[in-house]
Amino acid sequence: MTTEHLIDDAKEMLEEKINEKPKAGLVLGSGLGVLAEDIEDAVKVRYEDIPGFPVSTVEGHAGQLVFGRLQGVPVVSMQGRFHYYEGYTLQEVTFPIRVMKALGVDTLLVTNAAGSVNESFAPGQLMLIKDHINLQGDNPLIGKNDERTGPRFPDMSSAYTPALMEKAREAAKKQNISLQEGVYAANTGPNYETPAEVKMIRTMGADAVGMSTVPEVVTAVHGGMKVLGISCLSNMAAGILDQPLSHDEVIETTNKVKEDFLALMKEILLVIGKGEA
């Protein structure tokens, strides 16, 4: 069965379960799925029940779509995402973004937990993603292009929508949240980077590094969606501090920053609901 047919099947199945068409899509990374718990009139659908969907295998990822309203905005949230290192193709990793687009989503808010490469940043801070570097050695758009989903050669010069970034800055200021800004680099994982790799990534111009987000953003831009990216800086990348890295540390830090994260995301959704971005 082709990807196009799987998208149609997933869309049809989900439309039978939801009450209204979602406007915004949320991709919630490790430890950040708490935002989906605040969705009102929630309809939850497990990934394994949706045609074509992979299944999330990472601790801290609930593994379900949550539909409903958040700050008055109809949303669909991925409570847990898929990663290249789980053994999925990037087409499988980004399949949910295609389904979101088919359901009517026009704005994607993508979040992640990332290691800080910029030594002036600190764990527990939030970072607005201004741009990204794809170091995964693959691309979700490789293969035959379906013009119905997007152009063969999409422009990525403003992958992260400038108007949304400005609204995020305003939202952070209003909520008195310190919001860093920087470039996100995506590796495949699942191992954390070596100190030498971190040095290379810093030299390339990145401020944070992780194992996700870029494929989803590429797919969203290909589909004509507006995109906003927020990283939770969960740790300093390897070699900056003399200590080992662990996923437990990632979850612990994201839990500490969750109040700021929730306040920022909700303030941004208010703006989206008013049609100001």
C-alpha atoms as a PDB file:
ATOM      1  CA  MET A   1       0.000   0.000   0.000  1.00  0.00           C
ATOM      2  CA  THR A   2       1.349   3.454  -0.914  1.00  0.00           C
ATOM      3  CA  THR A   3       2.031   6.207   1.602  1.00  0.00           C
ATOM      4  CA  GLU A   4      -0.755   8.271   0.022  1.00  0.00           C
ATOM      5  CA  HIS A   5      -3.282   5.494   0.680  1.00  0.00           C
ATOM      6  CA  LEU A   6      -2.037   5.088   4.248  1.00  0.00           C
ATOM      7  CA  ILE A   7      -2.455   8.839   4.843  1.00  0.00           C
ATOM      8  CA  ASP A   8      -6.016   8.628   3.536  1.00  0.00           C
ATOM      9  CA  ASP A   9      -6.763   5.596   5.714  1.00  0.00           C
ATOM     10  CA  ALA A  10      -5.372   7.275   8.847  1.00  0.00           C
ATOM     11  CA  LYS A  11      -7.258  10.491   8.086  1.00  0.00           C
ATOM     12  CA  GLU A  12     -10.536   8.636   7.587  1.00  0.00           C
ATOM     13  CA  MET A  13     -10.117   6.630  10.790  1.00  0.00           C
ATOM     14  CA  LEU A  14      -9.258   9.705  12.881  1.00  0.00           C
ATOM     15  CA  GLU A  15     -12.033  11.878  11.462  1.00  0.00           C
ATOM     16  CA  GLU A  16     -14.537   9.327  12.732  1.00  0.00           C
ATOM     17  CA  LYS A  17     -13.251   9.870  16.278  1.00  0.00           C
ATOM     18  CA  ILE A  18     -12.788  13.659  16.505  1.00  0.00           C
ATOM     19  CA  ASN A  19     -15.299  16.457  16.911  1.00  0.00           C
ATOM     20  CA  GLU A  20     -13.599  19.217  14.908  1.00  0.00           C
ATOM     21  CA  LYS A  21     -10.755  19.796  12.500  1.00  0.00           C
ATOM     22  CA  PRO A  22      -7.468  20.651  14.267  1.00  0.00           C
ATOM     23  CA  LYS A  23      -5.772  23.935  13.398  1.00  0.00           C
ATOM     24  CA  ALA A  24      -2.454  23.478  15.215  1.00  0.00           C
ATOM     25  CA  GLY A  25      -0.290  20.401  15.578  1.00  0.00           C
ATOM     26  CA  LEU A  26       1.976  19.819  18.567  1.00  0.00           C
ATOM     27  CA  VAL A  27       4.964  17.474  18.602  1.00  0.00           C
ATOM     28  CA  LEU A  28       6.024  16.954  22.225  1.00  0.00           C
ATOM     29  CA  GLY A  29       9.495  15.622  22.959  1.00  0.00           C
ATOM     30  CA  SER A  30      11.033  13.721  25.882  1.00  0.00           C
ATOM     31  CA  GLY A  31       9.514  14.839  29.181  1.00  0.00           C
ATOM     32  CA  LEU A  32       7.377  17.506  27.489  1.00  0.00           C
ATOM     33  CA  GLY A  33       4.195  15.489  26.918  1.00  0.00           C
ATOM     34  CA  VAL A  34       2.672  17.148  30.005  1.00  0.00           C
ATOM     35  CA  LEU A  35       1.258  19.876  27.745  1.00  0.00           C
ATOM     36  CA  ALA A  36      -1.148  17.368  26.205  1.00  0.00           C
ATOM     37  CA  GLU A  37      -2.633  16.699  29.661  1.00  0.00           C
ATOM     38  CA  ASP A  38      -4.138  20.205  29.615  1.00  0.00           C
ATOM     39  CA  ILE A  39      -6.075  19.651  26.376  1.00  0.00           C
ATOM     40  CA  GLU A  40      -9.814  20.065  27.000  1.00  0.00           C
ATOM     41  CA  ASP A  41     -12.467  17.637  25.720  1.00  0.00           C
ATOM     42  CA  ALA A  42      -9.585  15.316  24.892  1.00  0.00           C
ATOM     43  CA  VAL A  43      -9.918  12.419  22.496  1.00  0.00           C
ATOM     44  CA  LYS A  44      -6.937  10.093  22.787  1.00  0.00           C
ATOM     45  CA  VAL A  45      -5.953   7.605  20.092  1.00  0.00           C
ATOM     46  CA  ARG A  46      -3.096   5.158  20.599  1.00  0.00           C
ATOM     47  CA  TYR A  47      -0.511   5.076  17.831  1.00  0.00           C
ATOM     48  CA  GLU A  48      -0.858   1.338  17.378  1.00  0.00           C
ATOM     49  CA  ASP A  49      -4.537   1.806  16.492  1.00  0.00           C
ATOM     50  CA  ILE A  50      -3.865   4.253  13.616  1.00  0.00           C
ATOM     51  CA  PRO A  51      -3.203   2.869  10.103  1.00  0.00           C
ATOM     52  CA  GLY A  52       0.394   3.455   9.027  1.00  0.00           C
ATOM     53  CA  PHE A  53       1.624   4.779  12.382  1.00  0.00           C
ATOM     54  CA  PRO A  54       4.813   3.427  13.945  1.00  0.00           C
ATOM     55  CA  VAL A  55       4.909   2.877  17.719  1.00  0.00           C
ATOM     56  CA  SER A  56       7.041   5.009  20.044  1.00  0.00           C
ATOM     57  CA  THR A  57       9.553   3.001  22.053  1.00  0.00           C
ATOM     58  CA  VAL A  58      11.272   5.743  24.090  1.00  0.00           C
ATOM     59  CA  GLU A  59      10.823   6.286  27.820  1.00  0.00           C
ATOM     60  CA  GLY A  60       9.026   9.592  28.461  1.00  0.00           C
ATOM     61  CA  HIS A  61       6.879   9.248  25.322  1.00  0.00           C
ATOM     62  CA  ALA A  62       3.244   8.258  25.968  1.00  0.00           C
ATOM     63  CA  GLY A  63       2.628   7.096  22.397  1.00  0.00           C
ATOM     64  CA  GLN A  64      -0.723   8.629  21.459  1.00  0.00           C
ATOM     65  CA  LEU A  65      -2.444  11.420  19.560  1.00  0.00           C
ATOM     66  CA  VAL A  66      -4.528  13.765  21.695  1.00  0.00           C
ATOM     67  CA  PHE A  67      -7.244  15.850  20.023  1.00  0.00           C
ATOM     68  CA  GLY A  68      -9.216  18.667  21.627  1.00  0.00           C
ATOM     69  CA  ARG A  69      -8.882  22.361  22.497  1.00  0.00           C
ATOM     70  CA  LEU A  70      -5.977  24.143  24.129  1.00  0.00           C
ATOM     71  CA  GLN A  71      -6.376  27.860  24.882  1.00  0.00           C
ATOM     72  CA  GLY A  72      -9.472  27.722  22.690  1.00  0.00           C
ATOM     73  CA  VAL A  73      -7.525  26.422  19.675  1.00  0.00           C
ATOM     74  CA  PRO A  74      -8.448  23.076  18.078  1.00  0.00           C
ATOM     75  CA  VAL A  75      -5.262  21.013  18.309  1.00  0.00           C
ATOM     76  CA  VAL A  76      -3.828  17.581  17.729  1.00  0.00           C
ATOM     77  CA  SER A  77      -0.848  16.656  19.869  1.00  0.00           C
ATOM     78  CA  MET A  78       1.726  13.924  19.373  1.00  0.00           C
ATOM     79  CA  GLN A  79       2.381  12.825  22.929  1.00  0.00           C
ATOM     80  CA  GLY A  80       5.659  11.162  22.045  1.00  0.00           C
ATOM     81  CA  ARG A  81       7.435  11.146  18.698  1.00  0.00           C
ATOM     82  CA  PHE A  82       9.343   8.695  16.523  1.00  0.00           C
ATOM     83  CA  HIS A  83      13.080   8.710  15.894  1.00  0.00           C
ATOM     84  CA  TYR A  84      15.399   7.510  13.151  1.00  0.00           C
ATOM     85  CA  TYR A  85      17.428   5.557  15.744  1.00  0.00           C
ATOM     86  CA  GLU A  86      14.412   3.392  16.574  1.00  0.00           C
ATOM     87  CA  GLY A  87      14.896   1.765  13.184  1.00  0.00           C
ATOM     88  CA  TYR A  88      12.168   3.626  11.316  1.00  0.00           C
ATOM     89  CA  THR A  89      12.731   5.297   7.962  1.00  0.00           C
ATOM     90  CA  LEU A  90      12.432   9.079   7.949  1.00  0.00           C
ATOM     91  CA  GLN A  91       9.273   8.638   5.888  1.00  0.00           C
ATOM     92  CA  GLU A  92       7.823   6.620   8.779  1.00  0.00           C
ATOM     93  CA  VAL A  93       9.141   9.102  11.349  1.00  0.00           C
ATOM     94  CA  THR A  94       7.334  11.954   9.590  1.00  0.00           C
ATOM     95  CA  PHE A  95       4.161  10.095   8.626  1.00  0.00           C
ATOM     96  CA  PRO A  96       2.194  11.748  11.487  1.00  0.00           C
ATOM     97  CA  ILE A  97       3.038  15.194  10.072  1.00  0.00           C
ATOM     98  CA  ARG A  98       1.549  14.151   6.739  1.00  0.00           C
ATOM     99  CA  VAL A  99      -1.585  12.956   8.532  1.00  0.00           C
ATOM    100  CA  MET A 100      -1.822  16.226  10.507  1.00  0.00           C
ATOM    101  CA  LYS A 101      -1.682  18.170   7.255  1.00  0.00           C
ATOM    102  CA  ALA A 102      -4.383  15.965   5.734  1.00  0.00           C
ATOM    103  CA  LEU A 103      -6.584  16.613   8.788  1.00  0.00           C
ATOM    104  CA  GLY A 104      -6.323  20.383   8.272  1.00  0.00           C
ATOM    105  CA  VAL A 105      -3.394  21.440  10.482  1.00  0.00           C
ATOM    106  CA  ASP A 106      -1.708  24.587   9.133  1.00  0.00           C
ATOM    107  CA  THR A 107       0.666  25.387  12.024  1.00  0.00           C
ATOM    108  CA  LEU A 108       3.146  22.977  13.609  1.00  0.00           C
ATOM    109  CA  LEU A 109       4.661  23.607  17.042  1.00  0.00           C
ATOM    110  CA  VAL A 110       7.579  21.211  17.458  1.00  0.00           C
ATOM    111  CA  THR A 111       9.448  20.708  20.721  1.00  0.00           C
ATOM    112  CA  ASN A 112      12.398  18.659  21.878  1.00  0.00           C
ATOM    113  CA  ALA A 113      14.871  18.072  24.670  1.00  0.00           C
ATOM    114  CA  ALA A 114      18.371  18.997  23.490  1.00  0.00           C
ATOM    115  CA  GLY A 115      21.927  19.254  24.708  1.00  0.00           C
ATOM    116  CA  SER A 116      23.396  22.734  24.847  1.00  0.00           C
ATOM    117  CA  VAL A 117      26.453  23.210  22.626  1.00  0.00           C
ATOM    118  CA  ASN A 118      26.570  26.936  23.342  1.00  0.00           C
ATOM    119  CA  GLU A 119      28.559  27.294  26.565  1.00  0.00           C
ATOM    120  CA  SER A 120      26.741  30.517  27.491  1.00  0.00           C
ATOM    121  CA  PHE A 121      23.437  28.626  27.725  1.00  0.00           C
ATOM    122  CA  ALA A 122      22.416  26.559  30.763  1.00  0.00           C
ATOM    123  CA  PRO A 123      20.376  23.404  31.429  1.00  0.00           C
ATOM    124  CA  GLY A 124      16.757  24.230  32.204  1.00  0.00           C
ATOM    125  CA  GLN A 125      16.537  27.086  29.719  1.00  0.00           C
ATOM    126  CA  LEU A 126      14.246  27.163  26.695  1.00  0.00           C
ATOM    127  CA  MET A 127      15.637  27.914  23.234  1.00  0.00           C
ATOM    128  CA  LEU A 128      13.750  29.289  20.255  1.00  0.00           C
ATOM    129  CA  ILE A 129      14.988  27.417  17.183  1.00  0.00           C
ATOM    130  CA  LYS A 130      15.992  29.942  14.508  1.00  0.00           C
ATOM    131  CA  ASP A 131      17.387  27.428  12.031  1.00  0.00           C
ATOM    132  CA  HIS A 132      18.711  23.896  11.876  1.00  0.00           C
ATOM    133  CA  ILE A 133      21.515  21.719  10.533  1.00  0.00           C
ATOM    134  CA  ASN A 134      20.681  18.234   9.293  1.00  0.00           C
ATOM    135  CA  LEU A 135      23.487  15.844  10.267  1.00  0.00           C
ATOM    136  CA  GLN A 136      21.365  12.693   9.996  1.00  0.00           C
ATOM    137  CA  GLY A 137      22.636  11.749   6.552  1.00  0.00           C
ATOM    138  CA  ASP A 138      19.100  11.229   5.265  1.00  0.00           C
ATOM    139  CA  ASN A 139      16.042  13.261   4.288  1.00  0.00           C
ATOM    140  CA  PRO A 140      12.319  12.410   4.520  1.00  0.00           C
ATOM    141  CA  LEU A 141      11.749  13.833   1.016  1.00  0.00           C
ATOM    142  CA  ILE A 142      14.072  11.372  -0.728  1.00  0.00           C
ATOM    143  CA  GLY A 143      12.157   9.231  -3.209  1.00  0.00           C
ATOM    144  CA  LYS A 144       9.288   9.908  -5.581  1.00  0.00           C
ATOM    145  CA  ASN A 145       7.620  13.256  -4.890  1.00  0.00           C
ATOM    146  CA  ASP A 146       3.856  13.589  -4.709  1.00  0.00           C
ATOM    147  CA  GLU A 147       2.983  17.100  -5.894  1.00  0.00           C
ATOM    148  CA  ARG A 148      -0.232  16.905  -3.866  1.00  0.00           C
ATOM    149  CA  THR A 149       1.818  16.979  -0.655  1.00  0.00           C
ATOM    150  CA  GLY A 150       4.408  19.557  -1.737  1.00  0.00           C
ATOM    151  CA  PRO A 151       6.970  20.642  -4.361  1.00  0.00           C
ATOM    152  CA  ARG A 152       9.929  18.554  -5.463  1.00  0.00           C
ATOM    153  CA  PHE A 153      12.431  21.184  -4.276  1.00  0.00           C
ATOM    154  CA  PRO A 154      11.000  23.068  -1.267  1.00  0.00           C
ATOM    155  CA  ASP A 155      12.659  26.300  -0.116  1.00  0.00           C
ATOM    156  CA  MET A 156      14.085  26.078   3.413  1.00  0.00           C
ATOM    157  CA  SER A 157      15.394  29.645   3.762  1.00  0.00           C
ATOM    158  CA  SER A 158      12.692  30.420   6.365  1.00  0.00           C
ATOM    159  CA  ALA A 159      11.880  26.961   7.672  1.00  0.00           C
ATOM    160  CA  TYR A 160      10.910  28.417  11.047  1.00  0.00           C
ATOM    161  CA  THR A 161       8.211  31.007  10.391  1.00  0.00           C
ATOM    162  CA  PRO A 162       9.525  34.514  11.248  1.00  0.00           C
ATOM    163  CA  ALA A 163       6.107  35.815  12.363  1.00  0.00           C
ATOM    164  CA  LEU A 164       5.696  32.887  14.776  1.00  0.00           C
ATOM    165  CA  MET A 165       9.196  33.415  16.154  1.00  0.00           C
ATOM    166  CA  GLU A 166       8.400  37.055  16.872  1.00  0.00           C
ATOM    167  CA  LYS A 167       5.198  36.061  18.670  1.00  0.00           C
ATOM    168  CA  ALA A 168       7.176  33.531  20.722  1.00  0.00           C
ATOM    169  CA  ARG A 169       9.572  36.294  21.793  1.00  0.00           C
ATOM    170  CA  GLU A 170       6.627  38.470  22.803  1.00  0.00           C
ATOM    171  CA  ALA A 171       5.010  35.566  24.669  1.00  0.00           C
ATOM    172  CA  ALA A 172       8.233  34.864  26.595  1.00  0.00           C
ATOM    173  CA  LYS A 173       8.557  38.518  27.550  1.00  0.00           C
ATOM    174  CA  LYS A 174       4.936  38.647  28.709  1.00  0.00           C
ATOM    175  CA  GLN A 175       5.405  35.533  30.864  1.00  0.00           C
ATOM    176  CA  ASN A 176       8.813  36.739  32.126  1.00  0.00           C
ATOM    177  CA  ILE A 177      10.534  33.654  30.698  1.00  0.00           C
ATOM    178  CA  SER A 178      14.175  33.689  29.627  1.00  0.00           C
ATOM    179  CA  LEU A 179      14.145  32.480  26.020  1.00  0.00           C
ATOM    180  CA  GLN A 180      17.446  31.772  24.315  1.00  0.00           C
ATOM    181  CA  GLU A 181      17.680  31.641  20.528  1.00  0.00           C
ATOM    182  CA  GLY A 182      19.875  29.442  18.410  1.00  0.00           C
ATOM    183  CA  VAL A 183      20.508  26.821  15.754  1.00  0.00           C
ATOM    184  CA  TYR A 184      19.559  23.189  16.368  1.00  0.00           C
ATOM    185  CA  ALA A 185      21.655  20.351  14.922  1.00  0.00           C
ATOM    186  CA  ALA A 186      20.166  16.881  14.480  1.00  0.00           C
ATOM    187  CA  ASN A 187      22.258  13.704  14.695  1.00  0.00           C
ATOM    188  CA  THR A 188      20.914  10.187  14.352  1.00  0.00           C
ATOM    189  CA  GLY A 189      21.672   8.966  17.890  1.00  0.00           C
ATOM    190  CA  PRO A 190      20.962   6.900  19.906  1.00  0.00           C
ATOM    191  CA  ASN A 191      24.362   7.511  21.510  1.00  0.00           C
ATOM    192  CA  TYR A 192      25.153  10.983  22.779  1.00  0.00           C
ATOM    193  CA  GLU A 193      27.848  12.892  20.915  1.00  0.00           C
ATOM    194  CA  THR A 194      31.552  12.647  21.734  1.00  0.00           C
ATOM    195  CA  PRO A 195      33.348  15.791  22.943  1.00  0.00           C
ATOM    196  CA  ALA A 196      35.077  16.014  19.549  1.00  0.00           C
ATOM    197  CA  GLU A 197      31.725  15.839  17.753  1.00  0.00           C
ATOM    198  CA  VAL A 198      30.321  18.553  20.011  1.00  0.00           C
ATOM    199  CA  LYS A 199      33.309  20.762  19.170  1.00  0.00           C
ATOM    200  CA  MET A 200      32.675  20.132  15.452  1.00  0.00           C
ATOM    201  CA  ILE A 201      28.989  20.962  15.815  1.00  0.00           C
ATOM    202  CA  ARG A 202      29.803  24.187  17.641  1.00  0.00           C
ATOM    203  CA  THR A 203      32.257  25.116  14.882  1.00  0.00           C
ATOM    204  CA  MET A 204      29.480  24.559  12.336  1.00  0.00           C
ATOM    205  CA  GLY A 205      27.401  27.198  14.114  1.00  0.00           C
ATOM    206  CA  ALA A 206      24.939  25.139  16.145  1.00  0.00           C
ATOM    207  CA  ASP A 207      23.837  26.071  19.664  1.00  0.00           C
ATOM    208  CA  ALA A 208      22.050  22.834  20.600  1.00  0.00           C
ATOM    209  CA  VAL A 209      22.094  19.228  19.455  1.00  0.00           C
ATOM    210  CA  GLY A 210      19.519  16.449  19.510  1.00  0.00           C
ATOM    211  CA  MET A 211      18.163  13.429  17.664  1.00  0.00           C
ATOM    212  CA  SER A 212      14.846  14.640  16.237  1.00  0.00           C
ATOM    213  CA  THR A 213      12.822  17.611  14.941  1.00  0.00           C
ATOM    214  CA  VAL A 214      14.596  18.302  11.640  1.00  0.00           C
ATOM    215  CA  PRO A 215      12.778  15.581   9.630  1.00  0.00           C
ATOM    216  CA  GLU A 216       9.411  16.767  10.974  1.00  0.00           C
ATOM    217  CA  VAL A 217      10.188  20.399  10.144  1.00  0.00           C
ATOM    218  CA  VAL A 218      11.349  19.516   6.611  1.00  0.00           C
ATOM    219  CA  THR A 219       8.124  17.586   6.050  1.00  0.00           C
ATOM    220  CA  ALA A 220       5.969  20.385   7.473  1.00  0.00           C
ATOM    221  CA  VAL A 221       7.648  23.007   5.277  1.00  0.00           C
ATOM    222  CA  HIS A 222       7.256  20.708   2.270  1.00  0.00           C
ATOM    223  CA  GLY A 223       3.530  20.595   3.035  1.00  0.00           C
ATOM    224  CA  GLY A 224       3.211  24.385   3.320  1.00  0.00           C
ATOM    225  CA  MET A 225       2.762  24.493   7.107  1.00  0.00           C
ATOM    226  CA  LYS A 226       3.930  27.299   9.379  1.00  0.00           C
ATOM    227  CA  VAL A 227       6.493  26.069  11.923  1.00  0.00           C
ATOM    228  CA  LEU A 228       7.698  27.085  15.365  1.00  0.00           C
ATOM    229  CA  GLY A 229      10.409  25.142  17.209  1.00  0.00           C
ATOM    230  CA  ILE A 230      11.259  25.195  20.925  1.00  0.00           C
ATOM    231  CA  SER A 231      14.090  23.235  22.571  1.00  0.00           C
ATOM    232  CA  CYS A 232      14.321  22.481  26.265  1.00  0.00           C
ATOM    233  CA  LEU A 233      18.041  22.552  27.034  1.00  0.00           C
ATOM    234  CA  SER A 234      18.177  19.496  29.248  1.00  0.00           C
ATOM    235  CA  ASN A 235      21.948  19.194  29.667  1.00  0.00           C
ATOM    236  CA  MET A 236      25.284  20.567  28.527  1.00  0.00           C
ATOM    237  CA  ALA A 237      26.622  18.535  25.600  1.00  0.00           C
ATOM    238  CA  ALA A 238      29.556  16.169  26.065  1.00  0.00           C
ATOM    239  CA  GLY A 239      32.918  17.660  26.943  1.00  0.00           C
ATOM    240  CA  ILE A 240      31.600  20.954  28.343  1.00  0.00           C
ATOM    241  CA  LEU A 241      31.172  19.637  31.881  1.00  0.00           C
ATOM    242  CA  ASP A 242      33.151  16.772  33.361  1.00  0.00           C
ATOM    243  CA  GLN A 243      30.199  14.429  33.851  1.00  0.00           C
ATOM    244  CA  PRO A 244      28.475  11.601  31.934  1.00  0.00           C
ATOM    245  CA  LEU A 245      25.168  12.120  30.114  1.00  0.00           C
ATOM    246  CA  SER A 246      21.987  10.117  30.695  1.00  0.00           C
ATOM    247  CA  HIS A 247      18.355  10.049  29.590  1.00  0.00           C
ATOM    248  CA  ASP A 248      17.339  10.237  33.265  1.00  0.00           C
ATOM    249  CA  GLU A 249      19.024  13.642  33.429  1.00  0.00           C
ATOM    250  CA  VAL A 250      17.055  14.753  30.364  1.00  0.00           C
ATOM    251  CA  ILE A 251      13.720  13.813  31.947  1.00  0.00           C
ATOM    252  CA  GLU A 252      14.691  15.323  35.312  1.00  0.00           C
ATOM    253  CA  THR A 253      15.602  18.688  33.768  1.00  0.00           C
ATOM    254  CA  THR A 254      12.528  18.885  31.541  1.00  0.00           C
ATOM    255  CA  ASN A 255      10.377  18.257  34.622  1.00  0.00           C
ATOM    256  CA  LYS A 256      12.032  21.223  36.343  1.00  0.00           C
ATOM    257  CA  VAL A 257      11.356  23.583  33.432  1.00  0.00           C
ATOM    258  CA  LYS A 258       7.845  22.352  32.636  1.00  0.00           C
ATOM    259  CA  GLU A 259       6.052  25.341  34.216  1.00  0.00           C
ATOM    260  CA  ASP A 260       7.912  27.793  31.964  1.00  0.00           C
ATOM    261  CA  PHE A 261       7.374  25.470  29.009  1.00  0.00           C
ATOM    262  CA  LEU A 262       3.630  25.217  29.639  1.00  0.00           C
ATOM    263  CA  ALA A 263       3.246  28.968  30.127  1.00  0.00           C
ATOM    264  CA  LEU A 264       5.154  29.780  26.934  1.00  0.00           C
ATOM    265  CA  MET A 265       3.324  27.265  24.742  1.00  0.00           C
ATOM    266  CA  LYS A 266      -0.087  28.327  26.030  1.00  0.00           C
ATOM    267  CA  GLU A 267       0.690  32.005  25.429  1.00  0.00           C
ATOM    268  CA  ILE A 268       1.775  31.189  21.859  1.00  0.00           C
ATOM    269  CA  LEU A 269      -1.434  29.220  21.264  1.00  0.00           C
ATOM    270  CA  LEU A 270      -3.474  32.226  22.390  1.00  0.00           C
ATOM    271  CA  VAL A 271      -1.816  34.223  19.618  1.00  0.00           C
ATOM    272  CA  ILE A 272      -2.522  31.497  17.075  1.00  0.00           C
ATOM    273  CA  GLY A 273      -6.144  31.387  18.216  1.00  0.00           C
ATOM    274  CA  LYS A 274      -6.491  35.109  17.571  1.00  0.00           C
ATOM    275  CA  GLY A 275      -5.127  34.665  14.060  1.00  0.00           C
ATOM    276  CA  GLU A 276      -2.171  36.966  14.762  1.00  0.00           C
ATOM    277  CA  ALA A 277       0.473  34.542  13.461  1.00  0.00           C
END
